[in-house]
């Protein structure tokens, strides 16, 4: 399977790190693009979709997530995804970079706002209440107006975006920001960032606890409180997802991928992968090609 990697490439007039695209526009211009958005591709930015009309199933990291009118879909940086665009699907696609989020955190003084709110522990699809949906639609419209404004102000864009994001997080089920203190949010975000950065050569929870300067027990309790999963379960989830990505994105031998992911013995990687997926790495790679 040939899965392209897609970079953030906004219009030349927009260098703010955020862009909003109408889904029907994306559908109609798909044949002029270098890749088919309805086929799997890896994104190097984060994105959020709002579905105004239609229903379907969005593909994210080897899972299919059903959506319908009113749904918000969250896709994190580095994930493999595929749209389900057709003439009946209408809505908005919001693309934004790590740099944009970092500026929001700095300028809005909001450490809880993080790309890791798109965490793998939570469902990628969320349908808010009608009242919240109405507010979010208004905010999306205002963000677009500010981006298009001749004298656009980045701070206004960031204020509008952070309002949208925090309103969604307030109602979104199982949001860890609701149950963690600000310091705990920072710790959990840092733990998630370490997992992303390592991708994930380290699979021992004690290593991450040491990096965070906390005990293994504290890290484990933090993860349970945030996600109802242990630290080890989250590490394994990250490792398996990254292994799957590399198996279909890279032409390397299984042995090389095993080594890249920190496995000294290929046989240990095969056992580990099969334990979590019920397939060997080679079987999984062959299944994705069929």
C-alpha atoms as a PDB file:
ATOM      1  CA  UNK A   1       0.000   0.000   0.000  1.00  0.00           C
ATOM      2  CA  UNK A   2       1.436   3.370  -1.034  1.00  0.00           C
ATOM      3  CA  UNK A   3       0.612   5.835   1.743  1.00  0.00           C
ATOM      4  CA  UNK A   4       1.775   9.407   1.080  1.00  0.00           C
ATOM      5  CA  UNK A   5       2.913  11.803   3.806  1.00  0.00           C
ATOM      6  CA  UNK A   6       1.120  15.152   3.722  1.00  0.00           C
ATOM      7  CA  UNK A   7       2.682  18.390   4.972  1.00  0.00           C
ATOM      8  CA  UNK A   8       0.861  21.562   6.017  1.00  0.00           C
ATOM      9  CA  UNK A   9       0.799  23.725   2.870  1.00  0.00           C
ATOM     10  CA  UNK A  10      -1.603  26.661   3.294  1.00  0.00           C
ATOM     11  CA  UNK A  11      -2.090  29.393   0.675  1.00  0.00           C
ATOM     12  CA  UNK A  12       0.865  31.767   0.381  1.00  0.00           C
ATOM     13  CA  UNK A  13      -1.246  34.496   1.989  1.00  0.00           C
ATOM     14  CA  UNK A  14      -1.688  32.417   5.144  1.00  0.00           C
ATOM     15  CA  UNK A  15       1.347  31.626   7.254  1.00  0.00           C
ATOM     16  CA  UNK A  16      -0.448  31.532  10.603  1.00  0.00           C
ATOM     17  CA  UNK A  17      -0.330  27.756  11.037  1.00  0.00           C
ATOM     18  CA  UNK A  18      -4.096  27.297  10.737  1.00  0.00           C
ATOM     19  CA  UNK A  19      -6.396  26.842   7.740  1.00  0.00           C
ATOM     20  CA  UNK A  20     -10.101  26.066   7.269  1.00  0.00           C
ATOM     21  CA  UNK A  21     -11.284  24.199   4.155  1.00  0.00           C
ATOM     22  CA  UNK A  22     -14.845  23.351   3.115  1.00  0.00           C
ATOM     23  CA  UNK A  23     -15.242  19.578   2.751  1.00  0.00           C
ATOM     24  CA  UNK A  24     -17.210  19.812  -0.484  1.00  0.00           C
ATOM     25  CA  UNK A  25     -14.415  21.996  -1.915  1.00  0.00           C
ATOM     26  CA  UNK A  26     -11.883  19.325  -0.950  1.00  0.00           C
ATOM     27  CA  UNK A  27     -14.069  16.666  -2.572  1.00  0.00           C
ATOM     28  CA  UNK A  28     -14.363  18.546  -5.864  1.00  0.00           C
ATOM     29  CA  UNK A  29     -10.663  19.336  -6.114  1.00  0.00           C
ATOM     30  CA  UNK A  30      -9.488  15.821  -5.174  1.00  0.00           C
ATOM     31  CA  UNK A  31      -8.550  14.901  -8.757  1.00  0.00           C
ATOM     32  CA  UNK A  32      -6.215  17.900  -8.962  1.00  0.00           C
ATOM     33  CA  UNK A  33      -4.361  16.903  -5.799  1.00  0.00           C
ATOM     34  CA  UNK A  34      -1.182  14.836  -5.597  1.00  0.00           C
ATOM     35  CA  UNK A  35      -2.980  12.308  -3.398  1.00  0.00           C
ATOM     36  CA  UNK A  36      -6.557  11.072  -3.092  1.00  0.00           C
ATOM     37  CA  UNK A  37      -7.890  12.332   0.282  1.00  0.00           C
ATOM     38  CA  UNK A  38     -10.245   9.340   0.415  1.00  0.00           C
ATOM     39  CA  UNK A  39      -7.253   6.979   0.497  1.00  0.00           C
ATOM     40  CA  UNK A  40      -4.950   6.489   3.520  1.00  0.00           C
ATOM     41  CA  UNK A  41      -2.287   9.170   3.990  1.00  0.00           C
ATOM     42  CA  UNK A  42      -0.141  10.300   6.917  1.00  0.00           C
ATOM     43  CA  UNK A  43      -0.579  13.872   8.148  1.00  0.00           C
ATOM     44  CA  UNK A  44       2.234  15.928   9.670  1.00  0.00           C
ATOM     45  CA  UNK A  45      -0.152  18.353  11.331  1.00  0.00           C
ATOM     46  CA  UNK A  46      -3.326  18.005  13.399  1.00  0.00           C
ATOM     47  CA  UNK A  47      -6.820  18.425  12.068  1.00  0.00           C
ATOM     48  CA  UNK A  48     -10.417  18.626  13.190  1.00  0.00           C
ATOM     49  CA  UNK A  49     -13.499  18.065  11.043  1.00  0.00           C
ATOM     50  CA  UNK A  50     -17.015  19.329  11.634  1.00  0.00           C
ATOM     51  CA  UNK A  51     -19.750  17.440   9.739  1.00  0.00           C
ATOM     52  CA  UNK A  52     -22.621  19.718   8.742  1.00  0.00           C
ATOM     53  CA  UNK A  53     -24.366  17.171   6.530  1.00  0.00           C
ATOM     54  CA  UNK A  54     -24.039  13.490   5.675  1.00  0.00           C
ATOM     55  CA  UNK A  55     -22.701  10.392   7.355  1.00  0.00           C
ATOM     56  CA  UNK A  56     -19.915   7.908   6.837  1.00  0.00           C
ATOM     57  CA  UNK A  57     -16.841   6.378   8.444  1.00  0.00           C
ATOM     58  CA  UNK A  58     -13.503   8.132   8.916  1.00  0.00           C
ATOM     59  CA  UNK A  59     -10.379   5.949   8.819  1.00  0.00           C
ATOM     60  CA  UNK A  60      -7.766   6.711  11.496  1.00  0.00           C
ATOM     61  CA  UNK A  61      -4.821   4.455  12.321  1.00  0.00           C
ATOM     62  CA  UNK A  62      -6.434   1.209  11.098  1.00  0.00           C
ATOM     63  CA  UNK A  63      -9.815   1.835  12.726  1.00  0.00           C
ATOM     64  CA  UNK A  64     -13.049   3.115  11.187  1.00  0.00           C
ATOM     65  CA  UNK A  65     -14.984   5.734  13.162  1.00  0.00           C
ATOM     66  CA  UNK A  66     -18.658   6.292  12.183  1.00  0.00           C
ATOM     67  CA  UNK A  67     -19.801   9.902  11.980  1.00  0.00           C
ATOM     68  CA  UNK A  68     -23.031  11.739  11.208  1.00  0.00           C
ATOM     69  CA  UNK A  69     -24.436  15.255  11.092  1.00  0.00           C
ATOM     70  CA  UNK A  70     -23.060  17.296  13.982  1.00  0.00           C
ATOM     71  CA  UNK A  71     -19.977  15.141  14.580  1.00  0.00           C
ATOM     72  CA  UNK A  72     -16.527  16.533  15.305  1.00  0.00           C
ATOM     73  CA  UNK A  73     -13.612  14.301  14.270  1.00  0.00           C
ATOM     74  CA  UNK A  74     -10.136  14.706  15.779  1.00  0.00           C
ATOM     75  CA  UNK A  75      -6.968  13.542  14.000  1.00  0.00           C
ATOM     76  CA  UNK A  76      -3.548  13.967  15.559  1.00  0.00           C
ATOM     77  CA  UNK A  77      -0.222  14.706  13.938  1.00  0.00           C
ATOM     78  CA  UNK A  78       1.514  11.624  12.454  1.00  0.00           C
ATOM     79  CA  UNK A  79      -1.669   9.577  12.292  1.00  0.00           C
ATOM     80  CA  UNK A  80      -2.690   7.744   9.136  1.00  0.00           C
ATOM     81  CA  UNK A  81      -6.166   8.771   8.037  1.00  0.00           C
ATOM     82  CA  UNK A  82      -8.570   8.729   5.089  1.00  0.00           C
ATOM     83  CA  UNK A  83     -11.632  10.883   4.491  1.00  0.00           C
ATOM     84  CA  UNK A  84     -15.030   9.542   3.415  1.00  0.00           C
ATOM     85  CA  UNK A  85     -15.853  12.400   1.074  1.00  0.00           C
ATOM     86  CA  UNK A  86     -18.734  12.308  -1.386  1.00  0.00           C
ATOM     87  CA  UNK A  87     -21.215  14.779  -2.853  1.00  0.00           C
ATOM     88  CA  UNK A  88     -23.458  14.417   0.216  1.00  0.00           C
ATOM     89  CA  UNK A  89     -20.807  15.214   2.839  1.00  0.00           C
ATOM     90  CA  UNK A  90     -20.595  18.857   3.833  1.00  0.00           C
ATOM     91  CA  UNK A  91     -18.677  20.484   6.639  1.00  0.00           C
ATOM     92  CA  UNK A  92     -15.402  22.116   7.572  1.00  0.00           C
ATOM     93  CA  UNK A  93     -11.848  20.880   7.891  1.00  0.00           C
ATOM     94  CA  UNK A  94      -9.587  22.762  10.333  1.00  0.00           C
ATOM     95  CA  UNK A  95      -5.853  22.146   9.913  1.00  0.00           C
ATOM     96  CA  UNK A  96      -3.297  23.456  12.408  1.00  0.00           C
ATOM     97  CA  UNK A  97       0.349  22.955  13.286  1.00  0.00           C
ATOM     98  CA  UNK A  98       2.248  22.310  16.512  1.00  0.00           C
ATOM     99  CA  UNK A  99       3.666  25.815  16.201  1.00  0.00           C
ATOM    100  CA  UNK A 100       0.184  27.329  16.174  1.00  0.00           C
ATOM    101  CA  UNK A 101      -0.795  25.396  19.310  1.00  0.00           C
ATOM    102  CA  UNK A 102       2.430  26.434  21.048  1.00  0.00           C
ATOM    103  CA  UNK A 103       1.637  30.070  20.305  1.00  0.00           C
ATOM    104  CA  UNK A 104      -1.889  29.586  21.675  1.00  0.00           C
ATOM    105  CA  UNK A 105      -0.497  28.073  24.873  1.00  0.00           C
ATOM    106  CA  UNK A 106       2.024  30.882  25.308  1.00  0.00           C
ATOM    107  CA  UNK A 107      -0.159  33.853  24.424  1.00  0.00           C
ATOM    108  CA  UNK A 108      -3.372  32.610  26.013  1.00  0.00           C
ATOM    109  CA  UNK A 109      -1.580  31.310  29.136  1.00  0.00           C
ATOM    110  CA  UNK A 110      -3.474  28.030  28.818  1.00  0.00           C
ATOM    111  CA  UNK A 111      -1.165  25.076  29.584  1.00  0.00           C
ATOM    112  CA  UNK A 112      -4.077  22.619  29.503  1.00  0.00           C
ATOM    113  CA  UNK A 113      -4.599  23.283  25.800  1.00  0.00           C
ATOM    114  CA  UNK A 114      -2.481  20.667  24.070  1.00  0.00           C
ATOM    115  CA  UNK A 115      -2.391  18.522  20.993  1.00  0.00           C
ATOM    116  CA  UNK A 116      -2.461  15.607  23.392  1.00  0.00           C
ATOM    117  CA  UNK A 117      -6.143  16.306  24.005  1.00  0.00           C
ATOM    118  CA  UNK A 118      -6.368  14.339  20.736  1.00  0.00           C
ATOM    119  CA  UNK A 119      -5.007  11.429  22.756  1.00  0.00           C
ATOM    120  CA  UNK A 120      -5.343   7.838  21.542  1.00  0.00           C
ATOM    121  CA  UNK A 121      -7.126   6.993  24.798  1.00  0.00           C
ATOM    122  CA  UNK A 122     -10.224   8.838  23.622  1.00  0.00           C
ATOM    123  CA  UNK A 123     -12.682   8.338  20.807  1.00  0.00           C
ATOM    124  CA  UNK A 124     -11.800  10.255  17.656  1.00  0.00           C
ATOM    125  CA  UNK A 125     -15.444  11.255  17.096  1.00  0.00           C
ATOM    126  CA  UNK A 126     -17.577  13.417  19.365  1.00  0.00           C
ATOM    127  CA  UNK A 127     -21.087  14.816  18.759  1.00  0.00           C
ATOM    128  CA  UNK A 128     -21.832  17.771  21.062  1.00  0.00           C
ATOM    129  CA  UNK A 129     -25.222  19.024  22.160  1.00  0.00           C
ATOM    130  CA  UNK A 130     -27.230  21.221  19.733  1.00  0.00           C
ATOM    131  CA  UNK A 131     -26.552  24.318  21.853  1.00  0.00           C
ATOM    132  CA  UNK A 132     -22.786  23.740  21.829  1.00  0.00           C
ATOM    133  CA  UNK A 133     -22.853  22.889  18.134  1.00  0.00           C
ATOM    134  CA  UNK A 134     -24.460  26.249  17.387  1.00  0.00           C
ATOM    135  CA  UNK A 135     -21.743  28.064  19.344  1.00  0.00           C
ATOM    136  CA  UNK A 136     -18.974  26.064  17.652  1.00  0.00           C
ATOM    137  CA  UNK A 137     -20.345  26.779  14.183  1.00  0.00           C
ATOM    138  CA  UNK A 138     -20.344  30.501  14.996  1.00  0.00           C
ATOM    139  CA  UNK A 139     -16.759  30.318  16.250  1.00  0.00           C
ATOM    140  CA  UNK A 140     -15.612  28.438  13.139  1.00  0.00           C
ATOM    141  CA  UNK A 141     -17.206  31.135  11.012  1.00  0.00           C
ATOM    142  CA  UNK A 142     -15.472  33.878  13.000  1.00  0.00           C
ATOM    143  CA  UNK A 143     -12.102  32.117  12.733  1.00  0.00           C
ATOM    144  CA  UNK A 144     -12.510  31.932   8.958  1.00  0.00           C
ATOM    145  CA  UNK A 145     -13.454  35.625   8.791  1.00  0.00           C
ATOM    146  CA  UNK A 146     -10.370  36.584  10.782  1.00  0.00           C
ATOM    147  CA  UNK A 147      -8.058  34.425   8.664  1.00  0.00           C
ATOM    148  CA  UNK A 148      -9.476  36.059   5.519  1.00  0.00           C
ATOM    149  CA  UNK A 149      -9.461  39.595   6.924  1.00  0.00           C
ATOM    150  CA  UNK A 150      -7.002  41.906   5.194  1.00  0.00           C
ATOM    151  CA  UNK A 151      -5.673  43.102   8.540  1.00  0.00           C
ATOM    152  CA  UNK A 152      -5.991  39.755  10.300  1.00  0.00           C
ATOM    153  CA  UNK A 153      -4.755  39.613  13.878  1.00  0.00           C
ATOM    154  CA  UNK A 154      -3.137  36.371  15.038  1.00  0.00           C
ATOM    155  CA  UNK A 155      -4.194  36.994  18.638  1.00  0.00           C
ATOM    156  CA  UNK A 156      -7.851  37.210  17.627  1.00  0.00           C
ATOM    157  CA  UNK A 157      -7.531  33.938  15.706  1.00  0.00           C
ATOM    158  CA  UNK A 158      -5.921  32.274  18.722  1.00  0.00           C
ATOM    159  CA  UNK A 159      -8.600  33.583  21.090  1.00  0.00           C
ATOM    160  CA  UNK A 160     -11.374  32.269  18.857  1.00  0.00           C
ATOM    161  CA  UNK A 161      -9.659  28.912  18.373  1.00  0.00           C
ATOM    162  CA  UNK A 162      -8.951  28.421  22.075  1.00  0.00           C
ATOM    163  CA  UNK A 163     -12.583  29.272  22.877  1.00  0.00           C
ATOM    164  CA  UNK A 164     -13.769  26.669  20.365  1.00  0.00           C
ATOM    165  CA  UNK A 165     -11.361  24.062  21.652  1.00  0.00           C
ATOM    166  CA  UNK A 166     -12.092  24.579  25.339  1.00  0.00           C
ATOM    167  CA  UNK A 167     -15.864  24.576  24.805  1.00  0.00           C
ATOM    168  CA  UNK A 168     -15.585  21.216  23.038  1.00  0.00           C
ATOM    169  CA  UNK A 169     -13.316  19.854  25.763  1.00  0.00           C
ATOM    170  CA  UNK A 170     -15.740  20.933  28.482  1.00  0.00           C
ATOM    171  CA  UNK A 171     -18.514  18.762  27.059  1.00  0.00           C
ATOM    172  CA  UNK A 172     -16.429  15.996  25.517  1.00  0.00           C
ATOM    173  CA  UNK A 173     -16.778  12.690  27.452  1.00  0.00           C
ATOM    174  CA  UNK A 174     -13.780  11.422  29.418  1.00  0.00           C
ATOM    175  CA  UNK A 175     -11.728  14.564  28.932  1.00  0.00           C
ATOM    176  CA  UNK A 176      -8.766  14.200  31.275  1.00  0.00           C
ATOM    177  CA  UNK A 177      -8.599  17.992  31.708  1.00  0.00           C
ATOM    178  CA  UNK A 178     -11.736  17.643  33.861  1.00  0.00           C
ATOM    179  CA  UNK A 179     -10.187  15.327  36.435  1.00  0.00           C
ATOM    180  CA  UNK A 180      -6.544  16.412  36.530  1.00  0.00           C
ATOM    181  CA  UNK A 181      -5.005  19.454  38.143  1.00  0.00           C
ATOM    182  CA  UNK A 182      -2.994  21.869  35.983  1.00  0.00           C
ATOM    183  CA  UNK A 183       0.274  20.293  37.146  1.00  0.00           C
ATOM    184  CA  UNK A 184      -1.077  16.813  36.413  1.00  0.00           C
ATOM    185  CA  UNK A 185      -2.184  17.917  32.944  1.00  0.00           C
ATOM    186  CA  UNK A 186       1.357  19.155  32.277  1.00  0.00           C
ATOM    187  CA  UNK A 187       2.818  15.853  33.480  1.00  0.00           C
ATOM    188  CA  UNK A 188       0.437  13.761  31.391  1.00  0.00           C
ATOM    189  CA  UNK A 189       1.048  15.905  28.323  1.00  0.00           C
ATOM    190  CA  UNK A 190       4.806  15.566  28.790  1.00  0.00           C
ATOM    191  CA  UNK A 191       4.451  11.795  29.139  1.00  0.00           C
ATOM    192  CA  UNK A 192       2.495  11.677  25.876  1.00  0.00           C
ATOM    193  CA  UNK A 193       5.058  13.895  24.146  1.00  0.00           C
ATOM    194  CA  UNK A 194       7.867  11.602  25.274  1.00  0.00           C
ATOM    195  CA  UNK A 195       6.008   8.637  23.805  1.00  0.00           C
ATOM    196  CA  UNK A 196       5.591  10.480  20.503  1.00  0.00           C
ATOM    197  CA  UNK A 197       9.213  11.558  20.416  1.00  0.00           C
ATOM    198  CA  UNK A 198      10.532   8.092  21.225  1.00  0.00           C
ATOM    199  CA  UNK A 199       8.137   6.284  18.857  1.00  0.00           C
ATOM    200  CA  UNK A 200       8.652   4.294  21.138  1.00  0.00           C
ATOM    201  CA  UNK A 201      12.056   2.821  21.711  1.00  0.00           C
ATOM    202  CA  UNK A 202      11.470   2.740  25.457  1.00  0.00           C
ATOM    203  CA  UNK A 203       8.681   0.499  26.708  1.00  0.00           C
ATOM    204  CA  UNK A 204       9.309   0.512  30.453  1.00  0.00           C
ATOM    205  CA  UNK A 205       7.064   2.786  32.497  1.00  0.00           C
ATOM    206  CA  UNK A 206       9.874   3.306  35.006  1.00  0.00           C
ATOM    207  CA  UNK A 207      11.937   5.063  32.307  1.00  0.00           C
ATOM    208  CA  UNK A 208       9.183   7.628  31.691  1.00  0.00           C
ATOM    209  CA  UNK A 209       8.621   8.128  35.410  1.00  0.00           C
ATOM    210  CA  UNK A 210      12.310   8.947  35.746  1.00  0.00           C
ATOM    211  CA  UNK A 211      12.118  11.468  32.881  1.00  0.00           C
ATOM    212  CA  UNK A 212       9.153  13.119  34.593  1.00  0.00           C
ATOM    213  CA  UNK A 213      10.939  13.094  37.966  1.00  0.00           C
ATOM    214  CA  UNK A 214       8.088  11.205  39.591  1.00  0.00           C
ATOM    215  CA  UNK A 215       7.707   7.670  40.913  1.00  0.00           C
ATOM    216  CA  UNK A 216       6.417   4.778  38.851  1.00  0.00           C
ATOM    217  CA  UNK A 217       3.390   4.602  41.151  1.00  0.00           C
ATOM    218  CA  UNK A 218       2.607   8.292  40.612  1.00  0.00           C
ATOM    219  CA  UNK A 219       2.850   7.915  36.826  1.00  0.00           C
ATOM    220  CA  UNK A 220       0.655   4.836  36.873  1.00  0.00           C
ATOM    221  CA  UNK A 221      -1.979   6.553  39.015  1.00  0.00           C
ATOM    222  CA  UNK A 222      -1.826   9.592  36.734  1.00  0.00           C
ATOM    223  CA  UNK A 223      -2.482   7.467  33.646  1.00  0.00           C
ATOM    224  CA  UNK A 224      -5.323   5.578  35.327  1.00  0.00           C
ATOM    225  CA  UNK A 225      -6.936   8.823  36.427  1.00  0.00           C
ATOM    226  CA  UNK A 226      -6.600  10.343  32.960  1.00  0.00           C
ATOM    227  CA  UNK A 227      -7.487   7.381  30.762  1.00  0.00           C
ATOM    228  CA  UNK A 228      -8.471   4.363  32.855  1.00  0.00           C
ATOM    229  CA  UNK A 229      -5.364   2.680  31.458  1.00  0.00           C
ATOM    230  CA  UNK A 230      -2.052   1.913  33.134  1.00  0.00           C
ATOM    231  CA  UNK A 231       1.140   3.571  31.939  1.00  0.00           C
ATOM    232  CA  UNK A 232       2.251   0.269  30.434  1.00  0.00           C
ATOM    233  CA  UNK A 233      -1.017  -0.109  28.531  1.00  0.00           C
ATOM    234  CA  UNK A 234      -0.578   3.358  27.024  1.00  0.00           C
ATOM    235  CA  UNK A 235       3.053   2.622  26.117  1.00  0.00           C
ATOM    236  CA  UNK A 236       1.979  -0.616  24.430  1.00  0.00           C
ATOM    237  CA  UNK A 237      -0.803   1.185  22.536  1.00  0.00           C
ATOM    238  CA  UNK A 238       1.638   3.774  21.187  1.00  0.00           C
ATOM    239  CA  UNK A 239       4.181   1.098  20.278  1.00  0.00           C
ATOM    240  CA  UNK A 240       1.681  -1.051  18.371  1.00  0.00           C
ATOM    241  CA  UNK A 241       0.259   1.891  16.446  1.00  0.00           C
ATOM    242  CA  UNK A 242       3.738   3.065  15.460  1.00  0.00           C
ATOM    243  CA  UNK A 243       4.708  -0.485  14.491  1.00  0.00           C
ATOM    244  CA  UNK A 244       1.647  -0.734  12.240  1.00  0.00           C
ATOM    245  CA  UNK A 245       2.444   2.614  10.627  1.00  0.00           C
ATOM    246  CA  UNK A 246       6.027   1.619   9.885  1.00  0.00           C
ATOM    247  CA  UNK A 247       5.054  -1.781   8.538  1.00  0.00           C
ATOM    248  CA  UNK A 248       2.928  -0.222   5.833  1.00  0.00           C
ATOM    249  CA  UNK A 249       4.820   3.047   5.310  1.00  0.00           C
ATOM    250  CA  UNK A 250       8.361   1.695   5.152  1.00  0.00           C
ATOM    251  CA  UNK A 251       9.913  -0.899   2.875  1.00  0.00           C
ATOM    252  CA  UNK A 252      12.259  -2.068   5.634  1.00  0.00           C
ATOM    253  CA  UNK A 253      12.476  -5.681   6.724  1.00  0.00           C
ATOM    254  CA  UNK A 254      10.613  -6.648   9.904  1.00  0.00           C
ATOM    255  CA  UNK A 255      13.986  -7.109  11.589  1.00  0.00           C
ATOM    256  CA  UNK A 256      14.954  -3.478  10.895  1.00  0.00           C
ATOM    257  CA  UNK A 257      11.632  -2.134  12.165  1.00  0.00           C
ATOM    258  CA  UNK A 258      11.965  -4.244  15.300  1.00  0.00           C
ATOM    259  CA  UNK A 259      15.404  -2.744  15.945  1.00  0.00           C
ATOM    260  CA  UNK A 260      14.155   0.811  15.278  1.00  0.00           C
ATOM    261  CA  UNK A 261      11.428   0.280  17.884  1.00  0.00           C
ATOM    262  CA  UNK A 262      13.934  -0.856  20.496  1.00  0.00           C
ATOM    263  CA  UNK A 263      13.586  -4.658  20.236  1.00  0.00           C
ATOM    264  CA  UNK A 264      16.956  -6.401  20.428  1.00  0.00           C
ATOM    265  CA  UNK A 265      15.522  -9.658  19.105  1.00  0.00           C
ATOM    266  CA  UNK A 266      13.169  -9.851  16.127  1.00  0.00           C
ATOM    267  CA  UNK A 267      11.447 -12.838  17.686  1.00  0.00           C
ATOM    268  CA  UNK A 268      10.500 -10.729  20.712  1.00  0.00           C
ATOM    269  CA  UNK A 269       8.980  -8.077  18.437  1.00  0.00           C
ATOM    270  CA  UNK A 270       6.974 -10.707  16.547  1.00  0.00           C
ATOM    271  CA  UNK A 271       5.643 -12.186  19.794  1.00  0.00           C
ATOM    272  CA  UNK A 272       4.849  -8.732  21.170  1.00  0.00           C
ATOM    273  CA  UNK A 273       3.039  -7.669  17.987  1.00  0.00           C
ATOM    274  CA  UNK A 274       1.037 -10.887  17.744  1.00  0.00           C
ATOM    275  CA  UNK A 275       0.036 -10.669  21.405  1.00  0.00           C
ATOM    276  CA  UNK A 276      -1.554  -7.276  20.805  1.00  0.00           C
ATOM    277  CA  UNK A 277      -2.928  -7.733  17.275  1.00  0.00           C
ATOM    278  CA  UNK A 278      -3.371 -11.523  16.836  1.00  0.00           C
ATOM    279  CA  UNK A 279      -1.259 -11.258  13.656  1.00  0.00           C
ATOM    280  CA  UNK A 280       2.467 -11.407  13.027  1.00  0.00           C
ATOM    281  CA  UNK A 281       4.028  -8.252  11.535  1.00  0.00           C
ATOM    282  CA  UNK A 282       4.310  -9.980   8.153  1.00  0.00           C
ATOM    283  CA  UNK A 283       0.697 -11.114   8.256  1.00  0.00           C
ATOM    284  CA  UNK A 284      -0.438  -7.577   9.094  1.00  0.00           C
ATOM    285  CA  UNK A 285       1.642  -6.117   6.265  1.00  0.00           C
ATOM    286  CA  UNK A 286       0.189  -8.624   3.804  1.00  0.00           C
ATOM    287  CA  UNK A 287      -3.367  -7.946   4.973  1.00  0.00           C
ATOM    288  CA  UNK A 288      -2.987  -4.219   4.299  1.00  0.00           C
ATOM    289  CA  UNK A 289      -1.728  -4.939   0.797  1.00  0.00           C
ATOM    290  CA  UNK A 290      -4.737  -7.076  -0.114  1.00  0.00           C
END
